[in-house]
Amino acid sequence: FQWPKQPRGGDEVLVLENLGKTWQTHDGKEKLVFKNVNGLVKRLDRVAVVGVNGAGKSTLMKVVTGQTP
């Protein structure tokens, strides 16, 4: 048995254009987590997401992976 060779995907792995995220607070207000995020991750790129606690790193990853809208 041989695994079929898969076609290579495109060179652009992730494209972010003006990405933003807000959360609804308990009192009904919106809290801005981040806005105007732009970026391009290409095939074979290595990426590190760094920042202080509460900066929105985990939220960004959840949006990118589709875990939160």
C-alpha atoms as a PDB file:
ATOM      1  CA  PHE A   1       0.000   0.000   0.000  1.00  0.00           C
ATOM      2  CA  GLN A   2       1.230   3.470  -0.809  1.00  0.00           C
ATOM      3  CA  TRP A   3      -0.234   6.722   0.409  1.00  0.00           C
ATOM      4  CA  PRO A   4      -1.203   8.947  -2.516  1.00  0.00           C
ATOM      5  CA  LYS A   5       0.944  12.025  -2.861  1.00  0.00           C
ATOM      6  CA  GLN A   6      -1.009  15.073  -1.750  1.00  0.00           C
ATOM      7  CA  PRO A   7      -0.832  18.237  -3.808  1.00  0.00           C
ATOM      8  CA  ARG A   8       1.042  21.052  -2.127  1.00  0.00           C
ATOM      9  CA  GLY A   9      -1.106  23.880  -0.849  1.00  0.00           C
ATOM     10  CA  GLY A  10      -0.527  27.515  -1.655  1.00  0.00           C
ATOM     11  CA  ASP A  11       2.321  29.643  -0.382  1.00  0.00           C
ATOM     12  CA  GLU A  12       0.068  31.822   1.795  1.00  0.00           C
ATOM     13  CA  VAL A  13      -0.896  29.893   4.910  1.00  0.00           C
ATOM     14  CA  LEU A  14      -2.652  32.703   6.795  1.00  0.00           C
ATOM     15  CA  VAL A  15      -3.713  36.171   5.662  1.00  0.00           C
ATOM     16  CA  LEU A  16      -5.057  38.643   8.223  1.00  0.00           C
ATOM     17  CA  GLU A  17      -6.596  41.895   7.027  1.00  0.00           C
ATOM     18  CA  ASN A  18      -8.045  44.412   9.486  1.00  0.00           C
ATOM     19  CA  LEU A  19      -8.921  41.672  11.970  1.00  0.00           C
ATOM     20  CA  GLY A  20     -10.564  42.801  15.179  1.00  0.00           C
ATOM     21  CA  LYS A  21     -12.276  41.264  18.195  1.00  0.00           C
ATOM     22  CA  THR A  22     -14.512  42.514  20.963  1.00  0.00           C
ATOM     23  CA  TRP A  23     -16.005  40.646  23.911  1.00  0.00           C
ATOM     24  CA  GLN A  24     -19.399  41.310  25.442  1.00  0.00           C
ATOM     25  CA  THR A  25     -19.005  42.167  29.137  1.00  0.00           C
ATOM     26  CA  HIS A  26     -21.462  41.110  31.831  1.00  0.00           C
ATOM     27  CA  ASP A  27     -22.977  44.596  31.918  1.00  0.00           C
ATOM     28  CA  GLY A  28     -23.702  44.518  28.164  1.00  0.00           C
ATOM     29  CA  LYS A  29     -20.813  46.701  27.048  1.00  0.00           C
ATOM     30  CA  GLU A  30     -18.249  45.703  24.454  1.00  0.00           C
ATOM     31  CA  LYS A  31     -14.574  45.408  25.392  1.00  0.00           C
ATOM     32  CA  LEU A  32     -12.084  45.860  22.558  1.00  0.00           C
ATOM     33  CA  VAL A  33      -9.468  43.096  22.607  1.00  0.00           C
ATOM     34  CA  PHE A  34      -7.621  44.059  19.416  1.00  0.00           C
ATOM     35  CA  LYS A  35      -8.268  45.840  16.127  1.00  0.00           C
ATOM     36  CA  ASN A  36      -6.656  46.429  12.724  1.00  0.00           C
ATOM     37  CA  VAL A  37      -4.501  43.297  12.896  1.00  0.00           C
ATOM     38  CA  ASN A  38      -2.776  42.669   9.582  1.00  0.00           C
ATOM     39  CA  GLY A  39      -0.320  39.943   8.739  1.00  0.00           C
ATOM     40  CA  LEU A  40       0.803  37.306   6.299  1.00  0.00           C
ATOM     41  CA  VAL A  41       2.203  33.892   7.189  1.00  0.00           C
ATOM     42  CA  LYS A  42       3.791  32.073   4.275  1.00  0.00           C
ATOM     43  CA  ARG A  43       4.758  28.457   3.838  1.00  0.00           C
ATOM     44  CA  LEU A  44       7.821  27.556   5.947  1.00  0.00           C
ATOM     45  CA  ASP A  45       7.516  30.753   8.040  1.00  0.00           C
ATOM     46  CA  ARG A  46       7.930  30.463  11.787  1.00  0.00           C
ATOM     47  CA  VAL A  47       5.776  32.677  13.979  1.00  0.00           C
ATOM     48  CA  ALA A  48       5.840  33.619  17.657  1.00  0.00           C
ATOM     49  CA  VAL A  49       2.958  35.428  19.337  1.00  0.00           C
ATOM     50  CA  VAL A  50       4.291  37.350  22.313  1.00  0.00           C
ATOM     51  CA  GLY A  51       2.909  39.985  24.651  1.00  0.00           C
ATOM     52  CA  VAL A  52       2.031  40.780  28.234  1.00  0.00           C
ATOM     53  CA  ASN A  53      -0.730  38.941  30.076  1.00  0.00           C
ATOM     54  CA  GLY A  54      -4.127  40.084  28.860  1.00  0.00           C
ATOM     55  CA  ALA A  55      -2.863  41.449  25.552  1.00  0.00           C
ATOM     56  CA  GLY A  56      -5.113  39.119  23.506  1.00  0.00           C
ATOM     57  CA  LYS A  57      -2.683  36.405  22.379  1.00  0.00           C
ATOM     58  CA  SER A  58      -4.981  33.486  23.191  1.00  0.00           C
ATOM     59  CA  THR A  59      -7.991  35.306  21.779  1.00  0.00           C
ATOM     60  CA  LEU A  60      -6.124  35.927  18.522  1.00  0.00           C
ATOM     61  CA  MET A  61      -5.277  32.224  18.255  1.00  0.00           C
ATOM     62  CA  LYS A  62      -8.884  31.254  18.988  1.00  0.00           C
ATOM     63  CA  VAL A  63     -10.135  33.562  16.224  1.00  0.00           C
ATOM     64  CA  VAL A  64      -7.531  32.289  13.734  1.00  0.00           C
ATOM     65  CA  THR A  65      -8.351  28.625  14.486  1.00  0.00           C
ATOM     66  CA  GLY A  66     -12.108  29.187  14.351  1.00  0.00           C
ATOM     67  CA  GLN A  67     -12.752  28.453  18.013  1.00  0.00           C
ATOM     68  CA  THR A  68     -14.450  31.833  18.437  1.00  0.00           C
ATOM     69  CA  PRO A  69     -15.989  34.149  15.826  1.00  0.00           C
END
